[in-house]
Amino acid sequence: MVDTLAGRVEGVESDGLHVFHGLPYAAPPTGERRWLPPGPLEPWQGVRSATEPGAASHQNPVVLDVLAAFNVDEEKHEDCLHLNVWSPGLDGARRPVMVWIHGGAFVIGSGAQALYDGGTLAKRGDVVVVTINYRLGALGFLNLNEVTGGRIPATGNEGLLDQVAALEWVRDNIAAFGGDADNVTIFGESAGGMSVGSLLAVPAAQGLFHKAIPQSGACQTAHTLDRAVKVAERTLAALGVEASEPDALRGVSPEQLLRVQEGLSTPAAPDDEIGGMPFQPVVDGNVLPDIPIERVRAGSAAGVAVLVGSTLEEWRLFAGMDPAVATLDEAGLRRRIAANLGDADAAALIESYRKSREAQALPVTPAELFIAIETDRIFRMPAVELADAQRAHDPRVYSYLFTWKSPAMGGLLGACHALELGFVFGTIDSAGARDFSGGGPAADALALGMQDAWIAFARSGDPSGGALGAWPAYGTERQTMILDEASRVEPAPNDEQRRAWDPISGAGRL
C-alpha cells in the first residue's frame, strides 16, 4: 500500500520488488478534454488497485515478427495517462529514479510492453524504475489551434505535455515509492529518444529531471508550425470535417482517426508537405519554442548530464519493411537521398560514403549505401549534434555506438534499430527476444555491462564502472563507447562519414 497525493494505491510485492501498474498521473483526456493539455488528477476514496497495466493510447496494430515482446496487448483507450513503478523498497532510501518514455514513431507503443519490464534494472541497481503511457498519433501530436482559429487550442504537443505531467507526478509522489525526486533520469528510444531530446528544450520540463539518455533519437525531430498546419489540414480533409465545426471534430471516433493516421503515414515514401512521420512534436512557439537542438545550443539543458547514442545499422529494421530497398539501383538511390537533401548534397554524400565504406572493405551496393546514409541522417548525426551542442554547457556528456548484431533473419538485420532495448532492460530472455537479440555468455555479459552503465549514470551522471569499466566523457575528441562483444572506447568513430554531413542540413528530419 502507498499513499499518493490523489489517494491510496495497492500494488504487488514479488521477488523482492514492489510493483505498481496502471497508476493514473493526470485526468483522463476524454470528452471535452480531448486535445487539451493534461489536467489535474481527481482524488479518490478508498484503495485503488494497481496490479494491472492501464489502457494504452489508441493505435493501429503492428505485427513485428522479430520480437513478440514489442506487442501492445493491453486495452486501448483515450483514458491512457497511466504509469508503472518498480521499487526495491517503500521507504525513505531516496533511490535514483529512471523514467522510461517508450518509442513507436509517436503512433504506437506503451510503457507496459514486455520488453520494458523494469524489474531487472530496479533490482540490479537499487533504483526506482517508472514507465509511462502518453497520447499518441492525432490525439497527442496534432496541431489544431491554427486551423480551428483557437476553437480547439491543441498545439500538437499534448503528448509531450503528458510526459511533463508524468514527471510532475514523479516529483510529487515518488518519495513514497522509495525514490529521490531530486535525482531523476529520463530515458527513451526512437520516438522516446526524440521525446527525451524535446524535453531538454521544453520550458515546462526544466527542473523535473537531472539526467537524460536519448537512445536512437535526439533533438532534431519536430515539425515547423507551417508543416504542422499542413498535417492538420490533411487530417481534417480525410475525416470530412470542417475546421469551423469543433464539436464534430471532438465527436470523431478513435477508429476514424486511426484510419486517417494510417493513410497519412508513408515513411518509405515521405510526402514533401507533411513528411513520412506526420505526427510528432511541433515548434509552436510556446510549449516548444524552437527546434530542440537550437534550444540546447542556447543552453536550455545546462546542468543536465546526457548519455546519447545509436546503433550502427539502425535503418536495417526499416529496410526490412520496404522491399524496394533491396532492388535499388544507382538512380533510385540518388532519387531517395535527393528527396531529403537535394540533388547536389545527395551526390556528394553518396560519393563520400562510397569511398569511406570501400576503405573499410564494407559493401557499397545502392541498398547498403542507402541504409548507411539513412541510419546516420535520422539517428547517428542527431546524436552527434546533441553531444557537440551539450558539451558546451556541461562536461557530463557521454556517447555510445551499439554495434552488436542480431542473428534474426539470417543476420540480415545487423545492428539494427531497437536491438539494444533488451540489453538495457535485461529482457533479452523475454518472449522471442533471444531470436532477435542473440544469446549466450557474450550477450549476457553485454546486457549486464549496459545495465550497470545506465544505472551508474542515473546514480551519479557518469556511466563508468561495472563490466564496461571506465567510460570517458565525450569531450573534444568525441570519445565513444563501442558496445559489442568486446566493448571499447574509440575517439570519433566513422569520422569521415560524420564530416561529410558538415555542409548539409536535414539530419533528423522525418
Foldseek 3Di string as FASTA:
>chain_A
DFQAPQGAEDEDDDPLKTKFAFAALFDQCADVNQLPATHHDHHDDDYHYGYDHDAAADADDDDDPLFPLQGDPHHHDSRFWGKMKIASDQAQQAFFEEEEEEDDLQGDGFQPRNLNPQHVLCVVQRHMYMYTHFHGDCRAAAQLCVQLVNPNRRHRHSRLSSVLSVLVSCLRGVSSRVHHQQQYEYEYEHLRLQSQQQLLQFPSNPPSHQAYEREQHHQQEAAEPQLSVVLNVQQCVQLVHHSNCVVVVSVDDSVSSNVSRVVQADQVDFDLRQGNSNRHHYCRCHRRNDRSLVSLLVPSNFRYFYEYEYEQQACLSVCVVPVVLVVDQPVNLQVVQCSQFNNVLSVLLLVLVQVLCVVVVHDNGSSVSSRRVLSCQAGGLNRVSSLVSNCVRPQLYAYAYEQAFAPAPNRSQGRYGPLCSCLQSVNCVPGSNCNGNPDDPLSVQLSQLNSQQVSVCSRPSASADDPLHHGHGCPPQRWYWYRYSDIDIDGCPPVSSSVSCVVTDRRNYD
